[in-house]
Protein backbone atom coordinates (compact mmCIF):
# COMPACT_ATOMS: atom_id res chain seq x y z
CA UNK A 1 114.80 67.44 97.34
CA UNK A 2 117.09 69.32 99.68
CA UNK A 3 114.19 71.45 100.92
CA UNK A 4 112.27 68.19 101.55
CA UNK A 5 115.11 66.78 103.67
CA UNK A 6 115.49 69.79 105.59
CA UNK A 7 111.81 70.08 106.30
CA UNK A 8 111.82 66.56 107.51
CA UNK A 9 114.72 66.69 109.84
CA UNK A 10 113.39 70.12 111.05
CA UNK A 11 110.03 68.51 111.94
CA UNK A 12 111.49 65.16 113.46
CA UNK A 13 113.75 67.42 115.61
CA UNK A 14 110.96 69.85 116.61
CA UNK A 15 108.63 66.79 117.60
CA UNK A 16 110.96 65.53 120.02
CA UNK A 17 111.00 68.77 121.95
CA UNK A 18 108.97 69.21 125.10
CA UNK A 19 107.74 72.55 124.75
CA UNK A 20 106.42 74.88 127.72
CA UNK A 21 104.69 77.97 126.54
CA UNK A 22 104.90 80.80 129.06
CA UNK A 23 102.80 83.80 128.00
CA UNK A 24 104.74 86.69 129.38
CA UNK A 25 104.18 90.37 128.64
CA UNK A 26 103.13 93.62 130.27
CA UNK A 27 99.58 94.59 130.07
CA UNK A 28 98.53 96.99 127.35
CA UNK A 29 96.95 100.25 128.04
CA UNK A 30 93.29 99.85 129.08
CA UNK A 31 91.23 97.56 126.89
CA UNK A 32 88.07 98.42 125.19
CA UNK A 33 85.53 96.05 127.14
CA UNK A 34 82.78 96.77 124.85
CA UNK A 35 84.42 95.76 121.72
CA UNK A 36 81.74 97.33 119.18
CA UNK A 37 82.59 96.62 115.83
CA UNK A 38 81.03 99.45 113.96
CA UNK A 39 80.65 102.36 116.39
CA UNK A 40 83.82 102.54 118.47
CA UNK A 41 86.58 102.44 116.03
CA UNK A 42 87.57 105.34 113.76
CA UNK A 43 87.36 104.77 109.96
CA UNK A 44 90.47 104.82 107.99
CA UNK A 45 91.90 104.06 104.47
CA UNK A 46 91.40 100.38 103.56
CA UNK A 47 87.83 99.89 105.50
CA UNK A 48 85.07 99.05 103.19
CA UNK A 49 81.53 100.65 103.74
CA UNK A 50 78.39 99.60 102.73
CA UNK A 51 76.01 102.62 101.29
CA UNK A 52 72.68 102.58 100.54
CA UNK A 53 69.92 105.26 99.63
CA UNK A 54 66.89 103.85 101.33
CA UNK A 55 64.44 105.77 99.04
CA UNK A 56 65.59 104.32 95.68
CA UNK A 57 65.35 100.70 94.29
CA UNK A 58 69.03 100.18 93.68
CA UNK A 59 71.09 97.82 95.48
CA UNK A 60 73.66 99.00 98.28
CA UNK A 61 77.06 99.57 97.01
CA UNK A 62 80.40 98.96 99.00
CA UNK A 63 82.73 102.04 98.98
CA UNK A 64 86.48 101.65 99.92
CA UNK A 65 88.07 104.35 101.74
CA UNK A 66 90.83 105.75 99.64
CA UNK A 67 94.16 106.57 100.89
CA UNK A 68 93.24 110.21 101.54
CA UNK A 69 90.33 109.14 103.78
CA UNK A 70 87.67 109.77 101.20
CA UNK A 71 84.98 107.67 99.58
CA UNK A 72 83.24 108.22 96.16
CA UNK A 73 79.61 108.84 97.46
CA UNK A 74 76.74 108.57 94.70
CA UNK A 75 75.95 112.21 93.37
CA UNK A 76 78.58 113.91 95.61
CA UNK A 77 81.99 112.36 94.66
CA UNK A 78 84.66 112.64 97.14
CA UNK A 79 83.60 112.96 100.82
CA UNK A 80 86.05 112.58 103.62
CA UNK A 81 85.11 109.91 106.40
CA UNK A 82 88.55 109.20 107.62
CA UNK A 83 88.94 109.84 111.24
CA UNK A 84 85.39 109.46 111.99
CA UNK A 85 83.15 106.96 113.53
CA UNK A 86 80.52 105.27 111.28
CA UNK A 87 77.72 107.44 112.87
CA UNK A 88 79.55 110.62 112.64
CA UNK A 89 80.49 109.69 108.91
CA UNK A 90 76.72 109.02 108.37
CA UNK A 91 75.73 112.49 109.60
CA UNK A 92 78.58 114.07 107.53
CA UNK A 93 77.05 112.39 104.54
CA UNK A 94 73.70 113.55 105.32
CA UNK A 95 74.80 117.25 105.85
CA UNK A 96 76.71 116.89 102.55
CA UNK A 97 73.53 116.03 100.61
CA UNK A 98 71.66 118.80 102.29
CA UNK A 99 74.19 121.64 101.75
CA UNK A 100 74.58 120.44 98.02
CA UNK A 101 70.73 120.42 97.74
CA UNK A 102 70.61 117.26 96.43
CA UNK A 103 68.22 115.62 99.10
CA UNK A 104 65.88 117.69 101.44
CA UNK A 105 65.67 114.93 104.13
CA UNK A 106 68.30 112.36 103.13
CA UNK A 107 67.65 108.78 104.15
CA UNK A 108 71.21 107.28 104.04
CA UNK A 109 72.14 103.67 105.04
CA UNK A 110 75.59 103.42 106.12
CA UNK A 111 77.60 100.47 107.85
CA UNK A 112 80.92 98.89 108.05
CA UNK A 113 81.29 95.97 105.45
CA UNK A 114 84.78 95.14 106.26
CA UNK A 115 87.29 96.81 108.39
CA UNK A 116 91.21 96.68 107.43
CA UNK A 117 92.53 93.11 108.11
CA UNK A 118 94.92 92.52 110.95
CA UNK A 119 98.51 91.03 110.10
CA UNK A 120 100.08 88.16 112.07
CA UNK A 121 103.92 87.49 111.42
CA UNK A 122 106.79 86.08 113.22
CA UNK A 123 106.92 82.74 114.94
CA UNK A 124 103.74 81.40 113.84
CA UNK A 125 102.67 78.46 111.51
CA UNK A 126 100.89 80.48 108.86
CA UNK A 127 101.93 84.34 108.78
CA UNK A 128 99.56 86.58 106.83
CA UNK A 129 96.51 88.84 106.76
CA UNK A 130 93.37 87.72 108.62
CA UNK A 131 89.92 89.59 108.53
CA UNK A 132 89.15 91.76 111.40
CA UNK A 133 86.30 90.75 113.69
CA UNK A 134 84.78 92.07 116.93
CA UNK A 135 86.58 90.96 120.26
CA UNK A 136 89.84 89.79 118.19
CA UNK A 137 92.45 89.33 120.79
CA UNK A 138 96.10 88.58 120.07
CA UNK A 139 95.49 85.03 121.26
CA UNK A 140 92.77 84.40 118.79
CA UNK A 141 94.79 86.07 115.97
CA UNK A 142 97.61 83.70 116.68
CA UNK A 143 95.20 80.71 116.42
CA UNK A 144 94.00 82.10 113.04
CA UNK A 145 97.70 81.95 111.92
CA UNK A 146 97.94 78.24 113.02
CA UNK A 147 99.51 78.91 116.53
CA UNK A 148 103.13 79.35 117.34
CA UNK A 149 105.74 77.54 115.40
CA UNK A 150 107.44 74.42 117.31
CA UNK A 151 110.63 75.40 119.04
CA UNK A 152 113.88 74.13 117.28
CA UNK A 153 115.52 71.08 118.91
CA UNK A 154 119.03 70.12 117.55
CA UNK A 155 118.24 70.99 113.89
CA UNK A 156 121.68 70.86 112.12
CA UNK A 157 122.75 74.68 112.14
CA UNK A 158 124.22 74.36 108.72
CA UNK A 159 121.00 72.87 107.12
CA UNK A 160 118.80 75.43 109.36
CA UNK A 161 120.87 78.29 107.70
CA UNK A 162 120.56 76.89 104.12
CA UNK A 163 116.81 76.72 104.72
CA UNK A 164 116.61 80.33 105.90
CA UNK A 165 118.86 81.61 103.03
CA UNK A 166 116.38 79.97 100.70
CA UNK A 167 113.50 81.54 102.33
CA UNK A 168 115.08 84.93 102.28
CA UNK A 169 115.72 84.99 98.45
CA UNK A 170 111.91 83.66 97.97
CA UNK A 171 110.73 86.50 100.24
CA UNK A 172 112.78 88.90 98.43
CA UNK A 173 111.43 88.05 95.17
CA UNK A 174 107.88 88.45 96.69
CA UNK A 175 108.78 91.77 97.96
CA UNK A 176 110.05 92.92 94.61
CA UNK A 177 106.87 91.45 92.96
CA UNK A 178 104.38 93.31 95.34
CA UNK A 179 106.29 96.58 95.30
CA UNK A 180 106.24 96.58 91.43
CA UNK A 181 102.52 95.70 91.46
CA UNK A 182 101.70 98.25 93.83
CA UNK A 183 103.65 100.79 91.58
CA UNK A 184 101.57 99.53 88.56
CA UNK A 185 98.35 100.37 90.45
CA UNK A 186 99.45 103.78 91.46
CA UNK A 187 100.34 104.56 88.03
CA UNK A 188 97.01 103.00 86.78
CA UNK A 189 95.21 105.37 89.28
CA UNK A 190 97.10 108.33 87.89
CA UNK A 191 96.26 107.41 84.41
CA UNK A 192 99.86 107.15 83.53
CA UNK A 193 101.70 104.66 81.23
CA UNK A 194 104.99 104.27 83.27
CA UNK A 195 105.98 103.14 86.46
CA UNK A 196 107.89 105.71 88.61
CA UNK A 197 110.16 105.15 91.60
CA UNK A 198 107.82 107.29 93.69
CA UNK A 199 105.14 104.81 92.76
CA UNK A 200 106.89 101.91 94.62
CA UNK A 201 106.52 102.00 98.42
CA UNK A 202 109.69 103.13 100.22
CA UNK A 203 109.87 99.96 102.15
CA UNK A 204 110.26 97.98 98.92
CA UNK A 205 112.60 100.42 96.90
CA UNK A 206 115.85 98.88 98.12
CA UNK A 207 114.91 95.48 96.80
CA UNK A 208 113.52 96.59 93.30
CA UNK A 209 116.84 96.37 91.38
CA UNK A 210 118.77 93.72 89.43
CA UNK A 211 117.67 91.25 86.68
CA UNK A 212 114.78 89.98 88.61
CA UNK A 213 113.28 93.32 89.33
CA UNK A 214 113.87 94.35 85.62
CA UNK A 215 112.06 91.32 84.31
CA UNK A 216 109.12 91.83 86.86
CA UNK A 217 109.04 95.48 85.93
CA UNK A 218 108.81 94.62 82.26
CA UNK A 219 105.84 92.32 82.96
CA UNK A 220 103.98 94.86 85.07
CA UNK A 221 104.30 97.39 82.31
CA UNK A 222 102.80 95.09 79.93
CA UNK A 223 99.91 94.59 82.06
CA UNK A 224 99.53 98.21 82.65
CA UNK A 225 99.61 99.02 78.89
CA UNK A 226 97.01 96.11 78.29
CA UNK A 227 94.83 97.47 80.85
CA UNK A 228 94.93 101.18 79.93
CA UNK A 229 94.55 100.28 75.97
CA UNK A 230 91.42 98.24 76.98
CA UNK A 231 89.78 100.79 79.08
CA UNK A 232 90.46 103.73 76.44
CA UNK A 233 88.94 101.41 73.72
CA UNK A 234 85.80 100.82 75.70
CA UNK A 235 85.63 104.51 76.74
CA UNK A 236 86.28 105.62 73.29
CA UNK A 237 83.19 103.63 71.92
CA UNK A 238 81.16 105.19 74.62
CA UNK A 239 82.45 108.69 73.54
CA UNK A 240 81.87 108.30 70.21
CA UNK A 241 78.18 107.13 70.77
CA UNK A 242 77.60 110.49 72.85
CA UNK A 243 78.95 112.46 69.85
CA UNK A 244 76.71 110.55 67.57
CA UNK A 245 73.75 111.37 69.92
CA UNK A 246 74.52 115.02 69.94
CA UNK A 247 74.68 115.13 66.02
CA UNK A 248 71.36 113.40 66.04
CA UNK A 249 69.93 115.83 68.36
CA UNK A 250 71.12 118.90 66.26
CA UNK A 251 69.55 117.23 63.17
CA UNK A 252 66.28 116.39 65.00
CA UNK A 253 66.02 120.18 66.14
CA UNK A 254 66.56 121.61 62.65
CA UNK A 255 63.93 119.12 61.44
CA UNK A 256 61.56 120.23 64.41
CA UNK A 257 61.95 123.81 63.00
CA UNK A 258 61.22 123.00 59.70
CA UNK A 259 58.09 120.92 60.71
CA UNK A 260 56.93 123.97 62.84
CA UNK A 261 57.22 126.27 59.81
CA UNK A 262 55.41 123.80 57.68
CA UNK A 263 52.46 123.45 60.27
CA UNK A 264 52.13 127.36 60.09
CA UNK A 265 51.78 127.31 56.43
CA UNK A 266 49.14 124.58 56.63
CA UNK A 267 47.25 126.52 59.32
CA UNK A 268 47.20 129.48 56.96
CA UNK A 269 46.17 127.38 53.84
CA UNK A 270 43.40 126.00 55.92
CA UNK A 271 42.14 129.44 57.15
CA UNK A 272 42.11 130.79 53.49
CA UNK A 273 40.24 127.60 52.38
CA UNK A 274 37.58 127.90 54.83
CA UNK A 275 37.18 131.57 53.60
CA UNK A 276 37.00 130.52 50.14
CA UNK A 277 34.52 127.80 50.69
CA UNK A 278 32.18 130.19 52.54
CA UNK A 279 32.34 132.24 49.31
CA UNK A 280 31.71 129.22 47.03
CA UNK A 281 35.09 129.12 45.54
CA UNK A 282 36.36 125.91 47.29
CA UNK A 283 34.57 122.85 48.07
CA UNK A 284 34.07 120.98 51.41
CA UNK A 285 36.37 118.29 50.07
CA UNK A 286 39.15 120.77 49.40
CA UNK A 287 38.86 122.08 53.09
CA UNK A 288 38.88 118.34 54.46
CA UNK A 289 42.19 117.84 52.47
CA UNK A 290 43.68 120.79 54.07
CA UNK A 291 42.49 119.76 57.56
CA UNK A 292 43.95 116.25 56.97
CA UNK A 293 47.40 117.92 55.75
CA UNK A 294 47.55 119.88 58.96
CA UNK A 295 46.83 116.95 61.25
CA UNK A 296 49.59 114.90 59.48
CA UNK A 297 52.00 117.70 60.08
CA UNK A 298 51.36 118.00 63.84
CA UNK A 299 51.55 114.35 64.13
CA UNK A 300 54.99 114.39 62.59
CA UNK A 301 55.72 117.18 65.02
CA UNK A 302 54.88 114.95 67.87
CA UNK A 303 57.04 112.33 66.48
CA UNK A 304 59.99 114.48 66.19
CA UNK A 305 59.59 115.74 69.75
CA UNK A 306 59.43 112.21 70.96
CA UNK A 307 62.68 111.30 69.00
CA UNK A 308 64.29 114.33 70.61
CA UNK A 309 63.43 112.97 73.99
CA UNK A 310 64.54 109.42 73.29
CA UNK A 311 67.96 110.91 71.99
CA UNK A 312 68.46 113.00 75.19
CA UNK A 313 67.73 109.78 77.21
CA UNK A 314 70.16 107.61 75.13
CA UNK A 315 72.86 110.39 75.66
CA UNK A 316 72.45 110.54 79.43
CA UNK A 317 72.70 106.68 79.49
CA UNK A 318 75.94 106.76 77.49
CA UNK A 319 77.51 109.52 79.73
CA UNK A 320 76.18 107.36 82.66
CA UNK A 321 78.03 104.33 81.34
CA UNK A 322 81.36 106.46 80.83
CA UNK A 323 81.23 107.56 84.38
CA UNK A 324 80.39 103.91 85.75
CA UNK A 325 83.16 102.44 83.63
CA UNK A 326 85.74 105.12 85.34
CA UNK A 327 84.44 104.50 88.73
CA UNK A 328 84.63 100.71 88.38
CA UNK A 329 88.24 100.89 87.14
CA UNK A 330 89.27 103.39 89.96
CA UNK A 331 87.59 101.22 92.55
CA UNK A 332 89.28 98.09 91.20
CA UNK A 333 92.48 99.63 91.37
CA UNK A 334 91.97 100.77 95.12
CA UNK A 335 90.91 97.24 96.15
CA UNK A 336 93.88 95.54 94.60
CA UNK A 337 96.15 98.30 95.95
CA UNK A 338 94.87 97.58 99.65
CA UNK A 339 95.38 93.73 98.94
CA UNK A 340 98.80 93.92 97.52
CA UNK A 341 100.07 96.41 100.17
CA UNK A 342 99.00 93.87 102.96
CA UNK A 343 101.16 91.25 101.19
CA UNK A 344 104.01 93.65 100.88
CA UNK A 345 103.83 94.24 104.72
CA UNK A 346 103.54 90.66 105.39
CA UNK A 347 106.58 89.72 103.17
CA UNK A 348 108.68 92.48 104.86
CA UNK A 349 107.79 91.36 108.21
CA UNK A 350 108.61 87.61 107.17
CA UNK A 351 111.92 88.77 105.87
CA UNK A 352 112.86 90.54 109.17
CA UNK A 353 111.90 87.31 111.19
CA UNK A 354 114.07 85.05 108.89
CA UNK A 355 116.94 87.44 109.17
CA UNK A 356 116.72 87.51 112.83
CA UNK A 357 116.50 83.82 113.13
CA UNK A 358 119.40 83.64 110.73
CA UNK A 359 121.63 85.65 113.13
CA UNK A 360 120.50 83.64 116.09
CA UNK A 361 121.56 80.47 114.30
CA UNK A 362 125.07 81.90 113.66
CA UNK A 363 125.42 82.77 117.46
CA UNK A 364 124.11 79.40 118.71
CA UNK A 365 125.47 75.83 118.44
CA UNK A 366 123.60 72.65 117.99
CA UNK A 367 124.07 71.94 121.65
CA UNK A 368 122.79 75.34 122.74
CA UNK A 369 119.63 75.07 120.39
CA UNK A 370 118.96 71.69 121.85
CA UNK A 371 119.04 72.92 125.54
CA UNK A 372 116.41 75.35 124.73
CA UNK A 373 113.34 73.16 126.08
CA UNK A 374 111.29 76.16 127.27
CA UNK A 375 110.27 79.38 125.38
CA UNK A 376 108.36 82.37 126.21
CA UNK A 377 106.10 83.92 123.72
CA UNK A 378 106.55 87.67 123.49
CA UNK A 379 103.79 89.80 121.72
CA UNK A 380 104.09 93.02 120.05
CA UNK A 381 101.43 95.02 118.42
CA UNK A 382 102.42 97.49 115.72
CA UNK A 383 99.49 99.91 115.34
CA UNK A 384 99.30 103.11 113.26
CA UNK A 385 98.24 106.39 115.02
CA UNK A 386 98.06 109.93 114.09
CA UNK A 387 101.53 110.38 115.29
CA UNK A 388 102.79 107.52 113.05
CA UNK A 389 103.42 103.70 113.96
CA UNK A 390 103.89 102.60 117.41
CA UNK A 391 105.00 99.08 118.84
CA UNK A 392 102.98 98.10 121.95
CA UNK A 393 103.93 95.31 124.31
CA UNK A 394 100.77 93.13 124.43
CA UNK A 395 99.53 90.01 126.17
CA UNK A 396 97.29 87.07 125.00
CA UNK A 397 94.04 88.87 125.94
CA UNK A 398 94.85 92.28 124.47
CA UNK A 399 92.01 93.34 122.03
CA UNK A 400 93.12 94.20 118.58
CA UNK A 401 92.04 97.20 116.41
CA UNK A 402 91.63 97.16 112.54
CA UNK A 403 95.09 97.14 110.80
CA UNK A 404 97.17 96.07 113.65
CA UNK A 405 100.17 93.94 113.17
CA UNK A 406 100.80 91.20 115.71
CA UNK A 407 104.39 90.00 116.06
CA UNK A 408 104.81 86.82 117.80
CA UNK A 409 108.47 86.03 118.89
CA UNK A 410 109.93 82.91 120.83
CA UNK A 411 112.25 83.76 123.63
CA UNK A 412 114.42 81.12 125.34
CA UNK A 413 114.14 80.79 129.12
CA UNK A 414 117.45 79.27 129.57
CA UNK A 415 119.29 82.50 128.70
CA UNK A 416 116.29 84.64 129.27
CA UNK A 417 117.19 86.36 126.18
CA UNK A 418 114.74 87.12 123.21
CA UNK A 419 114.81 85.26 119.92
CA UNK A 420 113.73 87.70 117.14
CA UNK A 421 111.80 90.02 119.56
CA UNK A 422 111.02 93.49 118.03
CA UNK A 423 111.33 96.03 121.08
CA UNK A 424 108.67 98.34 121.42
CA UNK A 425 109.55 101.93 120.17
CA UNK A 426 106.39 103.66 121.87
CA UNK A 427 103.26 103.39 123.86
CA UNK A 428 99.80 103.59 122.99
CA UNK A 429 98.38 107.06 123.62
CA UNK A 430 95.78 107.43 126.31
CA UNK A 431 92.46 106.86 125.19
């Protein structure tokens, strides 16, 4: 009920404000005018590639680039593609197939199924993650997030602070949950039954403490144990099937040897019978019976050889199923890890914004807040580079790259002082 009253008063106060939005920010380093989605950007962990061997009848598969920049390519295993363009990655795969003597002239189809999403946080209506698309600008990303929030106008500072305190508590719970989920997924990928502190992202560790964290940790451990036991049970059935098939192969090989010996005896008996028949000791019927017996032995040999071939084929199928089971589990873990990492980044960004808004409310009176009739939107793009994350001052037309974090901040024109502005800590390296 209190939250409903707070939101109603906030909406009524915001609706009365006449907002003049002024976009102000220095230009970013020279934009990429071409905006090619699949050829200009360097691949990085989190991107999803569509892989297809054009000469076979299998459907294309989606391969997620792991945290070390590699994909699990069919017949090759881990192949590093991070830091390459899609065309360079395709050439590298082709050369790997040739070097490993898997294909003489490989025909590989490789394209980008999905780049890493972009994140929009700060003073927007719907902070979160959004799929990357060609020619995505800061302005378009803000539109995906519902546009900027309406500036405050005479909301009761006490009620506003209570609202922000409640939001902070909910956000911290989200950070704890996402941090422990990521820890569980890291333990799953390492095939461990425990969640270590090192499994939890460093940014979330300060929050993972106290009764709430312990309760959520216990839940994640139960999920981890359930997943591991289910996986091991399915794998055990397949491994036992392989062991039974191997025993069957050994028995058939022994039987094949005995049938071969029996055929040799039957051939010798037939030769002796023919000789005796020429001398009048054996009849033609006796020789025919010996020939029939040899034919039956040879037919039995063919059946045993066929059974051996079927057994080898069945054993290969079981081993393939084991590999597919392990691969599917690994890929599912990586996909979930990517999703929850994005949720954690969003939650931490939202917490920072709420903290800054709370500090602002502590410094402003209700009359000062009511006087803020005009605002300026400041944009910061946080981008990962080889040297680490850098914050770049941006403008609405700035083109984004996969994985960028867009921070939207409202700044009052009356005081010309930023509200919740994250100052740039670096500049974009020259392209």
